[in-house]
């Protein structure tokens, strides 16, 4: 008895589909509205129901495949975007490191330049003292050699620190 209930309900759905199909086909062919749609017999209804069920299964499989492919594609694009962002951040970090190194080297160059000018000024003062005094003492010669040694030491230190960073 339950089988007859389900069968009659399926038959009704199939009959309703058949009625809509006939109406749509008639209107598309410009034949007007049908006055009476012939009812399906049981075998034709079963065939139509099986056909509808098969098409529905194929439709759902196709829809699921398209959805899965869309999700896979969007995840792949998201991974690409994350990789590109990571690469950008790495480049940005490298640039910041290089800026820091350049700033540090600029400070060292300024310090060496100040030292150089201070030593140059000391040498000029020493020469002025030599010119004022009529005799050359051993202290003045040792002092100028000492200032040259300090300058050479500062330059050597700067070159070693720059080479160590390269």
C-alpha atoms as a PDB file:
ATOM      1  CA  UNK A   1       0.000   0.000   0.000  1.00  0.00           C
ATOM      2  CA  UNK A   2       2.864   2.343   0.741  1.00  0.00           C
ATOM      3  CA  UNK A   3       4.356   1.538  -2.659  1.00  0.00           C
ATOM      4  CA  UNK A   4       1.129   2.601  -4.388  1.00  0.00           C
ATOM      5  CA  UNK A   5       1.164   5.902  -2.492  1.00  0.00           C
ATOM      6  CA  UNK A   6       4.714   6.718  -3.585  1.00  0.00           C
ATOM      7  CA  UNK A   7       4.038   5.466  -7.091  1.00  0.00           C
ATOM      8  CA  UNK A   8       0.954   7.643  -7.457  1.00  0.00           C
ATOM      9  CA  UNK A   9       2.842  10.675  -6.121  1.00  0.00           C
ATOM     10  CA  UNK A  10       5.733  10.045  -8.569  1.00  0.00           C
ATOM     11  CA  UNK A  11       3.160   9.588 -11.314  1.00  0.00           C
ATOM     12  CA  UNK A  12       1.633  12.939 -10.383  1.00  0.00           C
ATOM     13  CA  UNK A  13       5.028  14.708 -10.512  1.00  0.00           C
ATOM     14  CA  UNK A  14       5.815  13.031 -13.820  1.00  0.00           C
ATOM     15  CA  UNK A  15       2.382  13.998 -15.155  1.00  0.00           C
ATOM     16  CA  UNK A  16       2.892  17.594 -14.045  1.00  0.00           C
ATOM     17  CA  UNK A  17       6.334  17.650 -15.741  1.00  0.00           C
ATOM     18  CA  UNK A  18       4.764  16.183 -18.903  1.00  0.00           C
ATOM     19  CA  UNK A  19       2.010  18.825 -18.866  1.00  0.00           C
ATOM     20  CA  UNK A  20       4.575  21.663 -18.472  1.00  0.00           C
ATOM     21  CA  UNK A  21       6.820  20.213 -21.165  1.00  0.00           C
ATOM     22  CA  UNK A  22       3.954  19.989 -23.675  1.00  0.00           C
ATOM     23  CA  UNK A  23       2.811  23.558 -22.901  1.00  0.00           C
ATOM     24  CA  UNK A  24       6.345  24.984 -23.278  1.00  0.00           C
ATOM     25  CA  UNK A  25       6.987  23.119 -26.534  1.00  0.00           C
ATOM     26  CA  UNK A  26       3.682  24.269 -28.023  1.00  0.00           C
ATOM     27  CA  UNK A  27       4.376  27.897 -27.144  1.00  0.00           C
ATOM     28  CA  UNK A  28       7.951  27.746 -28.450  1.00  0.00           C
ATOM     29  CA  UNK A  29       6.694  26.378 -31.767  1.00  0.00           C
ATOM     30  CA  UNK A  30       4.003  29.123 -31.886  1.00  0.00           C
ATOM     31  CA  UNK A  31       1.230  26.537 -32.033  1.00  0.00           C
ATOM     32  CA  UNK A  32      -0.756  28.238 -29.290  1.00  0.00           C
ATOM     33  CA  UNK A  33      -1.891  26.949 -25.945  1.00  0.00           C
ATOM     34  CA  UNK A  34      -2.909  23.282 -26.021  1.00  0.00           C
ATOM     35  CA  UNK A  35      -6.503  22.697 -25.078  1.00  0.00           C
ATOM     36  CA  UNK A  36      -5.925  19.268 -23.604  1.00  0.00           C
ATOM     37  CA  UNK A  37      -2.634  17.509 -22.749  1.00  0.00           C
ATOM     38  CA  UNK A  38      -2.917  13.768 -23.184  1.00  0.00           C
ATOM     39  CA  UNK A  39      -2.150  11.811 -20.027  1.00  0.00           C
ATOM     40  CA  UNK A  40       0.781   9.430 -19.943  1.00  0.00           C
ATOM     41  CA  UNK A  41       0.307   5.738 -19.478  1.00  0.00           C
ATOM     42  CA  UNK A  42       2.242   4.001 -16.727  1.00  0.00           C
ATOM     43  CA  UNK A  43       5.145   2.752 -18.900  1.00  0.00           C
ATOM     44  CA  UNK A  44       5.697   6.190 -20.474  1.00  0.00           C
ATOM     45  CA  UNK A  45       5.558   7.796 -17.008  1.00  0.00           C
ATOM     46  CA  UNK A  46       8.167   5.343 -15.697  1.00  0.00           C
ATOM     47  CA  UNK A  47      10.434   6.049 -18.673  1.00  0.00           C
ATOM     48  CA  UNK A  48      10.013   9.797 -18.255  1.00  0.00           C
ATOM     49  CA  UNK A  49      10.678   9.524 -14.487  1.00  0.00           C
ATOM     50  CA  UNK A  50      13.825   7.463 -15.082  1.00  0.00           C
ATOM     51  CA  UNK A  51      14.997   9.980 -17.660  1.00  0.00           C
ATOM     52  CA  UNK A  52      14.380  12.873 -15.251  1.00  0.00           C
ATOM     53  CA  UNK A  53      16.175  11.042 -12.442  1.00  0.00           C
ATOM     54  CA  UNK A  54      19.182  10.322 -14.687  1.00  0.00           C
ATOM     55  CA  UNK A  55      19.363  13.943 -15.847  1.00  0.00           C
ATOM     56  CA  UNK A  56      19.088  15.177 -12.247  1.00  0.00           C
ATOM     57  CA  UNK A  57      21.939  12.899 -11.159  1.00  0.00           C
ATOM     58  CA  UNK A  58      24.113  14.059 -14.056  1.00  0.00           C
ATOM     59  CA  UNK A  59      23.250  17.698 -13.284  1.00  0.00           C
ATOM     60  CA  UNK A  60      24.175  17.348  -9.610  1.00  0.00           C
ATOM     61  CA  UNK A  61      27.447  15.576 -10.441  1.00  0.00           C
ATOM     62  CA  UNK A  62      28.332  18.315 -12.930  1.00  0.00           C
ATOM     63  CA  UNK A  63      27.398  21.043 -10.441  1.00  0.00           C
ATOM     64  CA  UNK A  64      29.484  19.377  -7.715  1.00  0.00           C
ATOM     65  CA  UNK A  65      32.455  19.042 -10.097  1.00  0.00           C
ATOM     66  CA  UNK A  66      32.258  22.698 -11.120  1.00  0.00           C
ATOM     67  CA  UNK A  67      31.979  23.780  -7.485  1.00  0.00           C
ATOM     68  CA  UNK A  68      34.959  21.631  -6.468  1.00  0.00           C
ATOM     69  CA  UNK A  69      37.027  23.006  -9.356  1.00  0.00           C
ATOM     70  CA  UNK A  70      36.103  26.577  -8.420  1.00  0.00           C
ATOM     71  CA  UNK A  71      37.116  25.996  -4.800  1.00  0.00           C
ATOM     72  CA  UNK A  72      40.397  24.362  -5.864  1.00  0.00           C
ATOM     73  CA  UNK A  73      41.157  27.248  -8.227  1.00  0.00           C
ATOM     74  CA  UNK A  74      40.399  29.899  -5.607  1.00  0.00           C
ATOM     75  CA  UNK A  75      42.628  28.146  -3.052  1.00  0.00           C
ATOM     76  CA  UNK A  76      45.424  27.984  -5.620  1.00  0.00           C
ATOM     77  CA  UNK A  77      45.071  31.715  -6.320  1.00  0.00           C
ATOM     78  CA  UNK A  78      45.058  32.420  -2.595  1.00  0.00           C
ATOM     79  CA  UNK A  79      48.304  30.428  -2.183  1.00  0.00           C
ATOM     80  CA  UNK A  80      49.859  32.399  -5.038  1.00  0.00           C
ATOM     81  CA  UNK A  81      48.834  35.668  -3.397  1.00  0.00           C
ATOM     82  CA  UNK A  82      50.301  34.575  -0.053  1.00  0.00           C
ATOM     83  CA  UNK A  83      53.573  33.548  -1.743  1.00  0.00           C
ATOM     84  CA  UNK A  84      53.765  36.887  -3.558  1.00  0.00           C
ATOM     85  CA  UNK A  85      53.102  38.782  -0.329  1.00  0.00           C
ATOM     86  CA  UNK A  86      55.811  36.772   1.446  1.00  0.00           C
ATOM     87  CA  UNK A  87      58.280  37.519  -1.351  1.00  0.00           C
ATOM     88  CA  UNK A  88      57.385  41.210  -1.137  1.00  0.00           C
ATOM     89  CA  UNK A  89      57.953  41.213   2.632  1.00  0.00           C
ATOM     90  CA  UNK A  90      61.345  39.499   2.190  1.00  0.00           C
ATOM     91  CA  UNK A  91      62.396  42.123  -0.353  1.00  0.00           C
ATOM     92  CA  UNK A  92      61.205  44.884   1.930  1.00  0.00           C
ATOM     93  CA  UNK A  93      63.210  43.427   4.838  1.00  0.00           C
ATOM     94  CA  UNK A  94      66.319  43.193   2.675  1.00  0.00           C
ATOM     95  CA  UNK A  95      65.896  46.825   1.597  1.00  0.00           C
ATOM     96  CA  UNK A  96      65.523  47.910   5.229  1.00  0.00           C
ATOM     97  CA  UNK A  97      68.685  45.970   6.150  1.00  0.00           C
ATOM     98  CA  UNK A  98      70.580  47.655   3.313  1.00  0.00           C
ATOM     99  CA  UNK A  99      69.312  51.077   4.416  1.00  0.00           C
ATOM    100  CA  UNK A 100      70.530  50.366   7.941  1.00  0.00           C
ATOM    101  CA  UNK A 101      73.962  49.316   6.618  1.00  0.00           C
ATOM    102  CA  UNK A 102      74.220  52.439   4.450  1.00  0.00           C
ATOM    103  CA  UNK A 103      73.245  54.668   7.397  1.00  0.00           C
ATOM    104  CA  UNK A 104      75.846  53.002   9.610  1.00  0.00           C
ATOM    105  CA  UNK A 105      78.525  53.427   6.957  1.00  0.00           C
ATOM    106  CA  UNK A 106      77.562  57.087   6.504  1.00  0.00           C
ATOM    107  CA  UNK A 107      78.063  57.614  10.240  1.00  0.00           C
ATOM    108  CA  UNK A 108      81.472  55.953  10.051  1.00  0.00           C
ATOM    109  CA  UNK A 109      82.436  58.108   7.039  1.00  0.00           C
ATOM    110  CA  UNK A 110      81.362  61.283   8.888  1.00  0.00           C
ATOM    111  CA  UNK A 111      83.427  60.226  11.900  1.00  0.00           C
ATOM    112  CA  UNK A 112      86.467  59.552   9.687  1.00  0.00           C
ATOM    113  CA  UNK A 113      85.976  62.863   7.895  1.00  0.00           C
ATOM    114  CA  UNK A 114      85.855  64.739  11.201  1.00  0.00           C
ATOM    115  CA  UNK A 115      88.948  62.898  12.370  1.00  0.00           C
ATOM    116  CA  UNK A 116      90.731  63.712   9.127  1.00  0.00           C
ATOM    117  CA  UNK A 117      89.875  67.420   9.334  1.00  0.00           C
ATOM    118  CA  UNK A 118      90.848  67.526  12.993  1.00  0.00           C
ATOM    119  CA  UNK A 119      94.206  65.970  12.176  1.00  0.00           C
ATOM    120  CA  UNK A 120      94.645  68.276   9.206  1.00  0.00           C
ATOM    121  CA  UNK A 121      93.914  71.261  11.437  1.00  0.00           C
ATOM    122  CA  UNK A 122      96.382  69.967  14.021  1.00  0.00           C
ATOM    123  CA  UNK A 123      99.012  69.648  11.312  1.00  0.00           C
ATOM    124  CA  UNK A 124      98.373  73.185  10.101  1.00  0.00           C
ATOM    125  CA  UNK A 125      98.610  74.431  13.686  1.00  0.00           C
ATOM    126  CA  UNK A 126     101.856  72.500  14.076  1.00  0.00           C
ATOM    127  CA  UNK A 127     103.193  74.093  10.876  1.00  0.00           C
ATOM    128  CA  UNK A 128     102.231  77.512  12.131  1.00  0.00           C
ATOM    129  CA  UNK A 129     104.072  76.799  15.353  1.00  0.00           C
ATOM    130  CA  UNK A 130     107.073  75.662  13.349  1.00  0.00           C
ATOM    131  CA  UNK A 131     106.983  78.830  11.294  1.00  0.00           C
ATOM    132  CA  UNK A 132     106.806  80.965  14.465  1.00  0.00           C
ATOM    133  CA  UNK A 133     109.659  79.192  16.084  1.00  0.00           C
ATOM    134  CA  UNK A 134     112.993  79.503  14.373  1.00  0.00           C
ATOM    135  CA  UNK A 135     114.250  76.130  15.265  1.00  0.00           C
ATOM    136  CA  UNK A 136     112.772  72.698  14.581  1.00  0.00           C
ATOM    137  CA  UNK A 137     112.458  70.639  17.704  1.00  0.00           C
ATOM    138  CA  UNK A 138     112.142  66.901  17.869  1.00  0.00           C
ATOM    139  CA  UNK A 139     108.776  67.211  19.615  1.00  0.00           C
ATOM    140  CA  UNK A 140     107.136  68.800  16.543  1.00  0.00           C
ATOM    141  CA  UNK A 141     108.385  66.055  14.213  1.00  0.00           C
ATOM    142  CA  UNK A 142     107.170  63.321  16.559  1.00  0.00           C
ATOM    143  CA  UNK A 143     103.781  65.069  16.902  1.00  0.00           C
ATOM    144  CA  UNK A 144     103.178  65.249  13.133  1.00  0.00           C
ATOM    145  CA  UNK A 145     104.205  61.599  12.680  1.00  0.00           C
ATOM    146  CA  UNK A 146     101.883  60.675  15.527  1.00  0.00           C
ATOM    147  CA  UNK A 147      98.906  62.448  13.900  1.00  0.00           C
ATOM    148  CA  UNK A 148      99.597  60.689  10.586  1.00  0.00           C
ATOM    149  CA  UNK A 149      99.677  57.352  12.412  1.00  0.00           C
ATOM    150  CA  UNK A 150      96.309  58.058  14.080  1.00  0.00           C
ATOM    151  CA  UNK A 151      94.754  58.992  10.726  1.00  0.00           C
ATOM    152  CA  UNK A 152      96.156  55.879   9.038  1.00  0.00           C
ATOM    153  CA  UNK A 153      94.866  53.725  11.904  1.00  0.00           C
ATOM    154  CA  UNK A 154      91.344  55.239  11.581  1.00  0.00           C
ATOM    155  CA  UNK A 155      91.318  54.696   7.809  1.00  0.00           C
ATOM    156  CA  UNK A 156      92.505  51.082   8.199  1.00  0.00           C
ATOM    157  CA  UNK A 157      89.800  50.443  10.807  1.00  0.00           C
ATOM    158  CA  UNK A 158      87.071  51.859   8.523  1.00  0.00           C
ATOM    159  CA  UNK A 159      88.241  49.766   5.554  1.00  0.00           C
ATOM    160  CA  UNK A 160      88.267  46.593   7.674  1.00  0.00           C
ATOM    161  CA  UNK A 161      84.744  47.227   8.993  1.00  0.00           C
ATOM    162  CA  UNK A 162      83.399  47.896   5.492  1.00  0.00           C
ATOM    163  CA  UNK A 163      85.098  44.778   4.098  1.00  0.00           C
ATOM    164  CA  UNK A 164      83.640  42.742   6.955  1.00  0.00           C
ATOM    165  CA  UNK A 165      80.099  43.771   5.964  1.00  0.00           C
ATOM    166  CA  UNK A 166      80.482  43.017   2.290  1.00  0.00           C
END
